[in-house]
Amino acid sequence: MAEKVKVTLIKSLHGQLANIVASARGLGLRRIRHTVTVADTPENRGMINTAVHLLKVEKA
């Protein structure tokens, strides 16, 4: 079974670069304090690393 990662948006996307907003939306995050559980894949890790300054990441 694949590892899971719990990702929470803790800061606003307002004023961020388009690729950062796209990465957060691609992870399924919609609003502040919204939490999603995603698979720990290289693709998802890349999106997390792009917006890491806005996110809280935990093992699920």
N, C-alpha and C. Protein backbone atom coordinates (compact mmCIF):
# COMPACT_ATOMS: atom_id res chain seq x y z
N MET A 1 0.84 -1.19 0.00
CA MET A 1 0.00 0.00 0.00
C MET A 1 0.88 1.25 0.00
N ALA A 2 0.51 2.21 -0.79
CA ALA A 2 1.30 3.44 -0.94
C ALA A 2 1.21 4.30 0.32
N GLU A 3 2.29 4.99 0.60
CA GLU A 3 2.31 5.93 1.73
C GLU A 3 1.37 7.09 1.44
N LYS A 4 0.81 7.65 2.49
CA LYS A 4 -0.10 8.79 2.35
C LYS A 4 0.49 9.99 3.10
N VAL A 5 0.17 11.17 2.62
CA VAL A 5 0.62 12.41 3.24
C VAL A 5 -0.60 13.30 3.44
N LYS A 6 -0.71 13.88 4.63
CA LYS A 6 -1.81 14.80 4.93
C LYS A 6 -1.29 16.23 4.73
N VAL A 7 -1.95 16.99 3.86
CA VAL A 7 -1.51 18.33 3.50
C VAL A 7 -2.61 19.33 3.87
N THR A 8 -2.23 20.40 4.58
CA THR A 8 -3.17 21.43 5.01
C THR A 8 -2.69 22.78 4.51
N LEU A 9 -3.59 23.56 3.92
CA LEU A 9 -3.28 24.92 3.49
C LEU A 9 -3.39 25.83 4.71
N ILE A 10 -2.27 26.48 5.10
CA ILE A 10 -2.30 27.31 6.30
C ILE A 10 -2.19 28.80 6.00
N LYS A 11 -1.81 29.14 4.78
CA LYS A 11 -1.73 30.55 4.40
C LYS A 11 -2.47 30.75 3.09
N SER A 12 -2.85 32.00 2.82
CA SER A 12 -3.65 32.33 1.64
C SER A 12 -2.85 32.18 0.35
N LEU A 13 -3.57 31.86 -0.72
CA LEU A 13 -2.97 31.78 -2.05
C LEU A 13 -2.99 33.14 -2.74
N HIS A 14 -3.67 34.10 -2.16
CA HIS A 14 -3.79 35.42 -2.76
C HIS A 14 -2.42 36.07 -2.94
N GLY A 15 -2.14 36.53 -4.14
CA GLY A 15 -0.88 37.22 -4.42
C GLY A 15 0.27 36.30 -4.76
N GLN A 16 0.05 34.99 -4.79
CA GLN A 16 1.11 34.04 -5.11
C GLN A 16 1.24 33.90 -6.64
N LEU A 17 2.37 33.41 -7.07
CA LEU A 17 2.59 33.15 -8.49
C LEU A 17 1.61 32.08 -8.99
N ALA A 18 1.30 32.13 -10.27
CA ALA A 18 0.32 31.23 -10.86
C ALA A 18 0.70 29.76 -10.68
N ASN A 19 1.99 29.44 -10.79
CA ASN A 19 2.38 28.03 -10.65
C ASN A 19 2.21 27.53 -9.21
N ILE A 20 2.35 28.41 -8.22
CA ILE A 20 2.13 28.03 -6.82
C ILE A 20 0.65 27.78 -6.57
N VAL A 21 -0.20 28.66 -7.08
CA VAL A 21 -1.65 28.49 -6.95
C VAL A 21 -2.08 27.21 -7.65
N ALA A 22 -1.55 26.95 -8.83
CA ALA A 22 -1.90 25.75 -9.59
C ALA A 22 -1.48 24.48 -8.84
N SER A 23 -0.34 24.52 -8.18
CA SER A 23 0.12 23.36 -7.42
C SER A 23 -0.80 23.08 -6.24
N ALA A 24 -1.19 24.12 -5.52
CA ALA A 24 -2.10 23.94 -4.38
C ALA A 24 -3.46 23.42 -4.86
N ARG A 25 -3.96 23.97 -5.95
CA ARG A 25 -5.24 23.50 -6.50
C ARG A 25 -5.12 22.06 -7.00
N GLY A 26 -3.97 21.73 -7.58
CA GLY A 26 -3.74 20.38 -8.07
C GLY A 26 -3.72 19.35 -6.96
N LEU A 27 -3.31 19.77 -5.78
CA LEU A 27 -3.35 18.89 -4.61
C LEU A 27 -4.77 18.75 -4.06
N GLY A 28 -5.67 19.60 -4.52
CA GLY A 28 -7.06 19.54 -4.06
C GLY A 28 -7.39 20.51 -2.94
N LEU A 29 -6.48 21.44 -2.67
CA LEU A 29 -6.70 22.41 -1.59
C LEU A 29 -7.53 23.58 -2.10
N ARG A 30 -8.56 23.95 -1.36
CA ARG A 30 -9.49 24.97 -1.80
C ARG A 30 -9.44 26.25 -0.96
N ARG A 31 -9.29 26.11 0.34
CA ARG A 31 -9.35 27.28 1.23
C ARG A 31 -8.42 27.06 2.42
N ILE A 32 -8.20 28.11 3.19
CA ILE A 32 -7.34 28.03 4.36
C ILE A 32 -7.93 27.02 5.35
N ARG A 33 -7.07 26.23 5.96
CA ARG A 33 -7.39 25.15 6.90
C ARG A 33 -8.08 23.96 6.24
N HIS A 34 -8.05 23.89 4.91
CA HIS A 34 -8.58 22.73 4.19
C HIS A 34 -7.49 21.67 4.17
N THR A 35 -7.83 20.43 4.54
CA THR A 35 -6.87 19.34 4.61
C THR A 35 -7.26 18.25 3.63
N VAL A 36 -6.27 17.73 2.91
CA VAL A 36 -6.48 16.60 2.01
C VAL A 36 -5.41 15.55 2.29
N THR A 37 -5.73 14.31 1.96
CA THR A 37 -4.77 13.21 2.06
C THR A 37 -4.45 12.76 0.64
N VAL A 38 -3.17 12.79 0.31
CA VAL A 38 -2.73 12.41 -1.04
C VAL A 38 -1.65 11.34 -0.94
N ALA A 39 -1.46 10.61 -2.02
CA ALA A 39 -0.40 9.60 -2.08
C ALA A 39 0.96 10.30 -2.09
N ASP A 40 1.93 9.65 -1.46
CA ASP A 40 3.29 10.21 -1.40
C ASP A 40 4.06 9.78 -2.64
N THR A 41 3.77 10.44 -3.78
CA THR A 41 4.41 10.13 -5.05
C THR A 41 5.36 11.28 -5.42
N PRO A 42 6.29 11.06 -6.33
CA PRO A 42 7.17 12.15 -6.76
C PRO A 42 6.41 13.33 -7.35
N GLU A 43 5.30 13.06 -8.04
CA GLU A 43 4.49 14.13 -8.63
C GLU A 43 3.87 15.01 -7.55
N ASN A 44 3.28 14.37 -6.54
CA ASN A 44 2.67 15.14 -5.45
C ASN A 44 3.73 15.84 -4.61
N ARG A 45 4.88 15.20 -4.40
CA ARG A 45 5.96 15.84 -3.66
C ARG A 45 6.45 17.10 -4.37
N GLY A 46 6.48 17.07 -5.70
CA GLY A 46 6.88 18.26 -6.46
C GLY A 46 5.91 19.40 -6.25
N MET A 47 4.60 19.11 -6.24
CA MET A 47 3.60 20.15 -6.00
C MET A 47 3.69 20.67 -4.57
N ILE A 48 3.95 19.77 -3.62
CA ILE A 48 4.10 20.19 -2.22
C ILE A 48 5.32 21.09 -2.07
N ASN A 49 6.44 20.71 -2.70
CA ASN A 49 7.66 21.52 -2.60
C ASN A 49 7.51 22.89 -3.22
N THR A 50 6.68 23.01 -4.25
CA THR A 50 6.44 24.31 -4.88
C THR A 50 5.76 25.28 -3.92
N ALA A 51 4.82 24.77 -3.13
CA ALA A 51 4.02 25.63 -2.25
C ALA A 51 4.30 25.36 -0.77
N VAL A 52 5.47 24.84 -0.45
CA VAL A 52 5.76 24.40 0.92
C VAL A 52 5.64 25.53 1.95
N HIS A 53 5.87 26.77 1.55
CA HIS A 53 5.79 27.89 2.49
C HIS A 53 4.35 28.24 2.88
N LEU A 54 3.37 27.61 2.22
CA LEU A 54 1.95 27.84 2.51
C LEU A 54 1.29 26.64 3.15
N LEU A 55 2.01 25.53 3.27
CA LEU A 55 1.41 24.26 3.66
C LEU A 55 1.97 23.72 4.96
N LYS A 56 1.17 22.83 5.58
CA LYS A 56 1.64 21.99 6.69
C LYS A 56 1.52 20.56 6.19
N VAL A 57 2.61 19.79 6.26
CA VAL A 57 2.64 18.43 5.73
C VAL A 57 2.90 17.47 6.87
N GLU A 58 2.07 16.40 6.94
CA GLU A 58 2.21 15.39 7.97
C GLU A 58 2.07 14.01 7.35
N LYS A 59 2.67 13.01 7.97
CA LYS A 59 2.43 11.62 7.55
C LYS A 59 1.02 11.25 7.96
N ALA A 60 0.33 10.52 7.08
CA ALA A 60 -1.06 10.13 7.39
C ALA A 60 -1.14 8.69 7.82
